[in-house]
Amino acid sequence: MYPYRPTYLTLPAIAVVLLLSSCDSTTPVTEVSFSKEIQPILTQHCLQCHDEKGAGTVASGLRLSNYETLLQGTKFGPVIKPGDSLSSTLIILVEGRANPSINMPHGNQTPLSNGQIQTLRQWIDQGARNN
């Protein structure tokens, strides 16, 4: 058996491996702000029907005028599951995964863009915080 002799190449190679393993090549996820990003989407696309006395509020009980009423949900239950956008009713409705008669926005209103839906999803997945 040969005795172990560290070479000059071994130590730098270990240092390079350690340095590279500590590098994170993923892009950091920016926290989505309810007040700056989510509320404007809701105001633009939803508040016309889901304000205090709108047709959507009368039909479902869902008011989207502020964070608290959004999290209260409808008379049928919550529309947001913090941390779980995939099964949040709000996302199901705006993505068109529900019955076409209840997809949102309703009627001939302008649908949300893919970017707006992604922002909503990200906010919910981040915990749907009031920030």
N, C-alpha and C. Protein backbone atom coordinates (compact mmCIF):
# COMPACT_ATOMS: atom_id res chain seq x y z
N MET A 1 0.82 -1.16 0.00
CA MET A 1 0.00 0.00 0.00
C MET A 1 0.87 1.24 0.00
N TYR A 2 0.44 2.22 -0.75
CA TYR A 2 1.21 3.45 -0.87
C TYR A 2 0.76 4.45 0.19
N PRO A 3 1.69 5.15 0.80
CA PRO A 3 1.29 6.17 1.77
C PRO A 3 0.63 7.34 1.03
N TYR A 4 -0.35 7.95 1.67
CA TYR A 4 -1.07 9.09 1.06
C TYR A 4 -0.17 10.31 1.11
N ARG A 5 0.00 10.92 -0.05
CA ARG A 5 0.76 12.16 -0.16
C ARG A 5 -0.10 13.20 -0.85
N PRO A 6 -0.49 14.23 -0.14
CA PRO A 6 -1.27 15.27 -0.81
C PRO A 6 -0.43 15.94 -1.89
N THR A 7 -1.02 16.18 -2.99
CA THR A 7 -0.32 16.87 -4.07
C THR A 7 -0.77 18.31 -4.11
N TYR A 8 -0.02 19.10 -4.82
CA TYR A 8 -0.38 20.51 -4.95
C TYR A 8 -1.65 20.70 -5.76
N LEU A 9 -1.99 19.72 -6.56
CA LEU A 9 -3.19 19.81 -7.38
C LEU A 9 -4.45 19.47 -6.57
N THR A 10 -4.34 18.62 -5.58
CA THR A 10 -5.50 18.16 -4.82
C THR A 10 -6.15 19.31 -4.04
N LEU A 11 -5.40 20.09 -3.31
CA LEU A 11 -5.97 21.16 -2.50
C LEU A 11 -6.68 22.23 -3.34
N PRO A 12 -6.09 22.71 -4.44
CA PRO A 12 -6.83 23.67 -5.26
C PRO A 12 -8.09 23.06 -5.88
N ALA A 13 -8.03 21.80 -6.24
CA ALA A 13 -9.21 21.16 -6.82
C ALA A 13 -10.34 21.09 -5.79
N ILE A 14 -10.00 20.78 -4.56
CA ILE A 14 -11.01 20.75 -3.50
C ILE A 14 -11.59 22.14 -3.29
N ALA A 15 -10.76 23.15 -3.29
CA ALA A 15 -11.23 24.53 -3.10
C ALA A 15 -12.19 24.94 -4.22
N VAL A 16 -11.88 24.56 -5.46
CA VAL A 16 -12.75 24.90 -6.59
C VAL A 16 -14.09 24.19 -6.45
N VAL A 17 -14.08 22.93 -6.08
CA VAL A 17 -15.32 22.18 -5.91
C VAL A 17 -16.18 22.81 -4.82
N LEU A 18 -15.57 23.16 -3.71
CA LEU A 18 -16.32 23.79 -2.62
C LEU A 18 -16.89 25.14 -3.04
N LEU A 19 -16.11 25.91 -3.76
CA LEU A 19 -16.57 27.22 -4.21
C LEU A 19 -17.74 27.08 -5.17
N LEU A 20 -17.65 26.18 -6.13
CA LEU A 20 -18.72 25.99 -7.10
C LEU A 20 -19.98 25.41 -6.47
N SER A 21 -19.82 24.56 -5.47
CA SER A 21 -21.01 23.98 -4.84
C SER A 21 -21.77 25.01 -4.02
N SER A 22 -21.12 26.08 -3.62
CA SER A 22 -21.81 27.11 -2.84
C SER A 22 -22.49 28.14 -3.74
N CYS A 23 -22.25 28.09 -5.04
CA CYS A 23 -22.89 29.02 -5.96
C CYS A 23 -24.30 28.55 -6.26
N ASP A 24 -25.23 29.46 -6.26
CA ASP A 24 -26.63 29.14 -6.58
C ASP A 24 -26.94 29.82 -7.90
N SER A 25 -27.23 29.03 -8.92
CA SER A 25 -27.47 29.59 -10.24
C SER A 25 -28.93 29.96 -10.46
N THR A 26 -29.81 29.69 -9.48
CA THR A 26 -31.21 30.03 -9.65
C THR A 26 -31.43 31.51 -9.39
N THR A 27 -32.39 32.07 -10.08
CA THR A 27 -32.73 33.47 -9.89
C THR A 27 -33.56 33.61 -8.63
N PRO A 28 -33.23 34.56 -7.77
CA PRO A 28 -34.04 34.72 -6.56
C PRO A 28 -35.46 35.14 -6.91
N VAL A 29 -36.41 34.61 -6.16
CA VAL A 29 -37.81 34.93 -6.39
C VAL A 29 -38.14 36.22 -5.65
N THR A 30 -38.70 37.16 -6.37
CA THR A 30 -39.09 38.42 -5.78
C THR A 30 -40.43 38.26 -5.09
N GLU A 31 -40.54 38.84 -3.89
CA GLU A 31 -41.80 38.75 -3.16
C GLU A 31 -42.84 39.63 -3.84
N VAL A 32 -44.00 39.06 -4.08
CA VAL A 32 -45.09 39.79 -4.72
C VAL A 32 -45.81 40.59 -3.64
N SER A 33 -46.09 41.84 -3.94
CA SER A 33 -46.77 42.74 -3.00
C SER A 33 -48.26 42.78 -3.28
N PHE A 34 -49.07 42.56 -2.24
CA PHE A 34 -50.51 42.64 -2.41
C PHE A 34 -50.91 44.05 -2.83
N SER A 35 -50.45 45.05 -2.10
CA SER A 35 -50.89 46.42 -2.37
C SER A 35 -50.39 46.97 -3.71
N LYS A 36 -49.20 46.59 -4.11
CA LYS A 36 -48.62 47.14 -5.34
C LYS A 36 -48.92 46.33 -6.59
N GLU A 37 -49.16 45.03 -6.45
CA GLU A 37 -49.33 44.19 -7.63
C GLU A 37 -50.69 43.47 -7.70
N ILE A 38 -51.15 42.93 -6.58
CA ILE A 38 -52.38 42.14 -6.60
C ILE A 38 -53.61 43.03 -6.61
N GLN A 39 -53.68 43.99 -5.70
CA GLN A 39 -54.86 44.86 -5.64
C GLN A 39 -55.12 45.58 -6.97
N PRO A 40 -54.08 46.08 -7.67
CA PRO A 40 -54.35 46.70 -8.98
C PRO A 40 -54.94 45.72 -10.00
N ILE A 41 -54.54 44.46 -9.98
CA ILE A 41 -55.12 43.46 -10.89
C ILE A 41 -56.59 43.26 -10.55
N LEU A 42 -56.89 43.12 -9.27
CA LEU A 42 -58.27 42.93 -8.84
C LEU A 42 -59.12 44.15 -9.17
N THR A 43 -58.56 45.33 -8.97
CA THR A 43 -59.30 46.56 -9.28
C THR A 43 -59.61 46.65 -10.76
N GLN A 44 -58.64 46.32 -11.60
CA GLN A 44 -58.81 46.42 -13.05
C GLN A 44 -59.79 45.39 -13.59
N HIS A 45 -59.74 44.18 -13.10
CA HIS A 45 -60.50 43.08 -13.71
C HIS A 45 -61.70 42.57 -12.91
N CYS A 46 -61.76 42.86 -11.62
CA CYS A 46 -62.76 42.19 -10.78
C CYS A 46 -63.69 43.11 -10.00
N LEU A 47 -63.19 44.27 -9.65
CA LEU A 47 -63.93 45.12 -8.72
C LEU A 47 -65.23 45.65 -9.29
N GLN A 48 -65.34 45.70 -10.60
CA GLN A 48 -66.58 46.17 -11.21
C GLN A 48 -67.77 45.33 -10.74
N CYS A 49 -67.57 44.03 -10.59
CA CYS A 49 -68.65 43.14 -10.14
C CYS A 49 -68.53 42.74 -8.67
N HIS A 50 -67.32 42.83 -8.12
CA HIS A 50 -67.09 42.34 -6.76
C HIS A 50 -66.77 43.46 -5.80
N ASP A 51 -67.43 44.62 -5.97
CA ASP A 51 -67.33 45.67 -4.97
C ASP A 51 -68.44 45.44 -3.94
N GLU A 52 -68.71 46.41 -3.11
CA GLU A 52 -69.66 46.22 -2.01
C GLU A 52 -71.04 45.75 -2.46
N LYS A 53 -71.57 46.30 -3.54
CA LYS A 53 -72.93 45.94 -3.97
C LYS A 53 -72.98 45.43 -5.40
N GLY A 54 -71.85 44.96 -5.91
CA GLY A 54 -71.80 44.48 -7.28
C GLY A 54 -72.52 43.16 -7.47
N ALA A 55 -72.81 42.84 -8.72
CA ALA A 55 -73.55 41.61 -9.04
C ALA A 55 -72.80 40.37 -8.57
N GLY A 56 -71.48 40.37 -8.69
CA GLY A 56 -70.70 39.22 -8.24
C GLY A 56 -70.73 39.05 -6.74
N THR A 57 -70.75 40.17 -6.02
CA THR A 57 -70.84 40.10 -4.57
C THR A 57 -72.21 39.60 -4.14
N VAL A 58 -73.24 40.09 -4.79
CA VAL A 58 -74.61 39.66 -4.46
C VAL A 58 -74.75 38.16 -4.73
N ALA A 59 -74.23 37.68 -5.86
CA ALA A 59 -74.39 36.28 -6.23
C ALA A 59 -73.56 35.33 -5.37
N SER A 60 -72.32 35.72 -5.06
CA SER A 60 -71.41 34.78 -4.39
C SER A 60 -71.01 35.19 -2.98
N GLY A 61 -71.14 36.47 -2.69
CA GLY A 61 -70.66 36.97 -1.40
C GLY A 61 -69.19 37.39 -1.44
N LEU A 62 -68.54 37.24 -2.58
CA LEU A 62 -67.12 37.59 -2.69
C LEU A 62 -66.94 39.07 -2.95
N ARG A 63 -66.30 39.75 -1.99
CA ARG A 63 -65.95 41.16 -2.17
C ARG A 63 -64.44 41.25 -2.31
N LEU A 64 -64.00 42.03 -3.28
CA LEU A 64 -62.57 42.14 -3.55
C LEU A 64 -62.05 43.55 -3.34
N SER A 65 -62.70 44.29 -2.46
CA SER A 65 -62.31 45.67 -2.23
C SER A 65 -61.07 45.81 -1.37
N ASN A 66 -60.71 44.78 -0.61
CA ASN A 66 -59.48 44.85 0.19
C ASN A 66 -59.00 43.43 0.54
N TYR A 67 -57.86 43.36 1.18
CA TYR A 67 -57.24 42.08 1.52
C TYR A 67 -58.14 41.22 2.41
N GLU A 68 -58.71 41.82 3.44
CA GLU A 68 -59.51 41.07 4.39
C GLU A 68 -60.72 40.42 3.73
N THR A 69 -61.43 41.17 2.88
CA THR A 69 -62.61 40.61 2.24
C THR A 69 -62.23 39.54 1.21
N LEU A 70 -61.09 39.70 0.56
CA LEU A 70 -60.61 38.68 -0.37
C LEU A 70 -60.39 37.36 0.37
N LEU A 71 -59.72 37.42 1.51
CA LEU A 71 -59.45 36.19 2.25
C LEU A 71 -60.69 35.61 2.91
N GLN A 72 -61.72 36.42 3.15
CA GLN A 72 -62.98 35.87 3.68
C GLN A 72 -63.62 34.94 2.67
N GLY A 73 -63.43 35.24 1.40
CA GLY A 73 -63.97 34.37 0.36
C GLY A 73 -65.43 34.61 0.08
N THR A 74 -66.11 33.55 -0.31
CA THR A 74 -67.51 33.62 -0.70
C THR A 74 -68.40 33.01 0.38
N LYS A 75 -69.69 33.03 0.13
CA LYS A 75 -70.60 32.36 1.06
C LYS A 75 -70.45 30.83 0.96
N PHE A 76 -69.69 30.37 -0.02
CA PHE A 76 -69.44 28.94 -0.20
C PHE A 76 -68.08 28.50 0.37
N GLY A 77 -67.25 29.48 0.76
CA GLY A 77 -65.94 29.16 1.32
C GLY A 77 -64.85 30.05 0.76
N PRO A 78 -63.62 29.81 1.20
CA PRO A 78 -62.48 30.63 0.77
C PRO A 78 -62.16 30.42 -0.71
N VAL A 79 -61.59 31.45 -1.33
CA VAL A 79 -61.14 31.36 -2.73
C VAL A 79 -59.63 31.33 -2.82
N ILE A 80 -58.96 31.55 -1.69
CA ILE A 80 -57.50 31.55 -1.63
C ILE A 80 -57.07 30.51 -0.61
N LYS A 81 -56.13 29.65 -1.01
CA LYS A 81 -55.47 28.74 -0.08
C LYS A 81 -54.01 29.18 -0.02
N PRO A 82 -53.64 30.00 0.97
CA PRO A 82 -52.26 30.48 1.03
C PRO A 82 -51.26 29.34 0.92
N GLY A 83 -50.31 29.51 0.01
CA GLY A 83 -49.29 28.50 -0.22
C GLY A 83 -49.67 27.47 -1.27
N ASP A 84 -50.89 27.53 -1.79
CA ASP A 84 -51.37 26.50 -2.73
C ASP A 84 -52.21 27.12 -3.85
N SER A 85 -51.54 27.71 -4.82
CA SER A 85 -52.28 28.36 -5.91
C SER A 85 -53.00 27.35 -6.80
N LEU A 86 -52.44 26.17 -6.93
CA LEU A 86 -53.03 25.17 -7.83
C LEU A 86 -54.47 24.84 -7.46
N SER A 87 -54.76 24.76 -6.16
CA SER A 87 -56.12 24.42 -5.76
C SER A 87 -56.91 25.62 -5.22
N SER A 88 -56.37 26.82 -5.35
CA SER A 88 -57.12 28.02 -4.96
C SER A 88 -58.20 28.31 -5.99
N THR A 89 -59.41 28.48 -5.52
CA THR A 89 -60.55 28.69 -6.41
C THR A 89 -60.36 29.92 -7.30
N LEU A 90 -59.78 30.97 -6.76
CA LEU A 90 -59.56 32.18 -7.56
C LEU A 90 -58.75 31.87 -8.81
N ILE A 91 -57.69 31.09 -8.66
CA ILE A 91 -56.84 30.74 -9.81
C ILE A 91 -57.60 29.82 -10.76
N ILE A 92 -58.33 28.87 -10.23
CA ILE A 92 -59.12 27.97 -11.08
C ILE A 92 -60.08 28.78 -11.95
N LEU A 93 -60.69 29.80 -11.37
CA LEU A 93 -61.66 30.62 -12.11
C LEU A 93 -60.99 31.50 -13.16
N VAL A 94 -59.88 32.15 -12.81
CA VAL A 94 -59.26 33.06 -13.78
C VAL A 94 -58.48 32.32 -14.85
N GLU A 95 -58.08 31.08 -14.58
CA GLU A 95 -57.40 30.28 -15.60
C GLU A 95 -58.39 29.58 -16.53
N GLY A 96 -59.66 29.63 -16.21
CA GLY A 96 -60.67 28.98 -17.06
C GLY A 96 -60.77 27.49 -16.85
N ARG A 97 -60.38 27.00 -15.67
CA ARG A 97 -60.44 25.57 -15.38
C ARG A 97 -61.77 25.16 -14.75
N ALA A 98 -62.68 26.10 -14.58
CA ALA A 98 -64.00 25.81 -13.99
C ALA A 98 -65.03 25.70 -15.11
N ASN A 99 -66.25 25.50 -14.73
CA ASN A 99 -67.34 25.51 -15.69
C ASN A 99 -67.33 26.86 -16.39
N PRO A 100 -67.43 26.90 -17.72
CA PRO A 100 -67.37 28.17 -18.44
C PRO A 100 -68.37 29.22 -17.95
N SER A 101 -69.47 28.80 -17.36
CA SER A 101 -70.46 29.77 -16.89
C SER A 101 -70.00 30.54 -15.66
N ILE A 102 -68.96 30.05 -14.97
CA ILE A 102 -68.47 30.76 -13.79
C ILE A 102 -67.01 31.19 -13.90
N ASN A 103 -66.38 31.00 -15.06
CA ASN A 103 -65.01 31.49 -15.23
C ASN A 103 -64.99 33.00 -15.04
N MET A 104 -63.88 33.52 -14.58
CA MET A 104 -63.75 34.94 -14.30
C MET A 104 -62.59 35.54 -15.09
N PRO A 105 -62.69 36.81 -15.41
CA PRO A 105 -63.83 37.69 -15.25
C PRO A 105 -65.00 37.20 -16.09
N HIS A 106 -66.17 37.51 -15.61
CA HIS A 106 -67.41 37.01 -16.18
C HIS A 106 -67.83 37.81 -17.41
N GLY A 107 -68.60 37.17 -18.26
CA GLY A 107 -69.17 37.87 -19.41
C GLY A 107 -68.12 38.27 -20.43
N ASN A 108 -68.25 39.49 -20.93
CA ASN A 108 -67.33 39.96 -21.97
C ASN A 108 -66.22 40.84 -21.40
N GLN A 109 -65.95 40.72 -20.12
CA GLN A 109 -64.86 41.48 -19.50
C GLN A 109 -63.52 40.97 -20.01
N THR A 110 -62.54 41.84 -20.04
CA THR A 110 -61.19 41.48 -20.49
C THR A 110 -60.58 40.46 -19.54
N PRO A 111 -60.14 39.31 -20.05
CA PRO A 111 -59.52 38.31 -19.17
C PRO A 111 -58.15 38.78 -18.68
N LEU A 112 -57.70 38.18 -17.61
CA LEU A 112 -56.37 38.48 -17.10
C LEU A 112 -55.33 37.95 -18.08
N SER A 113 -54.22 38.64 -18.17
CA SER A 113 -53.11 38.17 -19.01
C SER A 113 -52.42 37.01 -18.31
N ASN A 114 -51.64 36.26 -19.06
CA ASN A 114 -50.86 35.17 -18.46
C ASN A 114 -49.94 35.70 -17.37
N GLY A 115 -49.35 36.87 -17.60
CA GLY A 115 -48.47 37.48 -16.61
C GLY A 115 -49.21 37.83 -15.33
N GLN A 116 -50.43 38.36 -15.46
CA GLN A 116 -51.21 38.70 -14.27
C GLN A 116 -51.61 37.44 -13.50
N ILE A 117 -51.97 36.39 -14.21
CA ILE A 117 -52.31 35.13 -13.55
C ILE A 117 -51.08 34.57 -12.84
N GLN A 118 -49.93 34.65 -13.49
CA GLN A 118 -48.70 34.16 -12.87
C GLN A 118 -48.37 34.96 -11.61
N THR A 119 -48.60 36.27 -11.64
CA THR A 119 -48.37 37.10 -10.46
C THR A 119 -49.30 36.68 -9.32
N LEU A 120 -50.57 36.45 -9.62
CA LEU A 120 -51.51 35.97 -8.61
C LEU A 120 -51.06 34.63 -8.04
N ARG A 121 -50.65 33.72 -8.91
CA ARG A 121 -50.19 32.39 -8.48
C ARG A 121 -48.99 32.52 -7.55
N GLN A 122 -48.04 33.34 -7.95
CA GLN A 122 -46.83 33.52 -7.16
C GLN A 122 -47.16 34.10 -5.79
N TRP A 123 -48.05 35.09 -5.76
CA TRP A 123 -48.43 35.70 -4.48
C TRP A 123 -49.08 34.66 -3.56
N ILE A 124 -49.99 33.86 -4.10
CA ILE A 124 -50.64 32.82 -3.30
C ILE A 124 -49.61 31.80 -2.83
N ASP A 125 -48.73 31.35 -3.73
CA ASP A 125 -47.71 30.36 -3.36
C ASP A 125 -46.75 30.90 -2.30
N GLN A 126 -46.57 32.21 -2.27
CA GLN A 126 -45.71 32.83 -1.26
C GLN A 126 -46.43 33.04 0.08
N GLY A 127 -47.66 32.59 0.17
CA GLY A 127 -48.39 32.69 1.42
C GLY A 127 -49.52 33.69 1.44
N ALA A 128 -49.76 34.38 0.32
CA ALA A 128 -50.87 35.34 0.20
C ALA A 128 -50.85 36.35 1.34
N ARG A 129 -49.71 36.98 1.53
CA ARG A 129 -49.55 37.93 2.64
C ARG A 129 -50.12 39.31 2.30
N ASN A 130 -50.49 40.02 3.33
CA ASN A 130 -50.99 41.40 3.20
C ASN A 130 -49.79 42.34 3.28
N ASN A 131 -49.09 42.45 2.17
CA ASN A 131 -47.87 43.27 2.15
C ASN A 131 -47.96 44.36 1.11
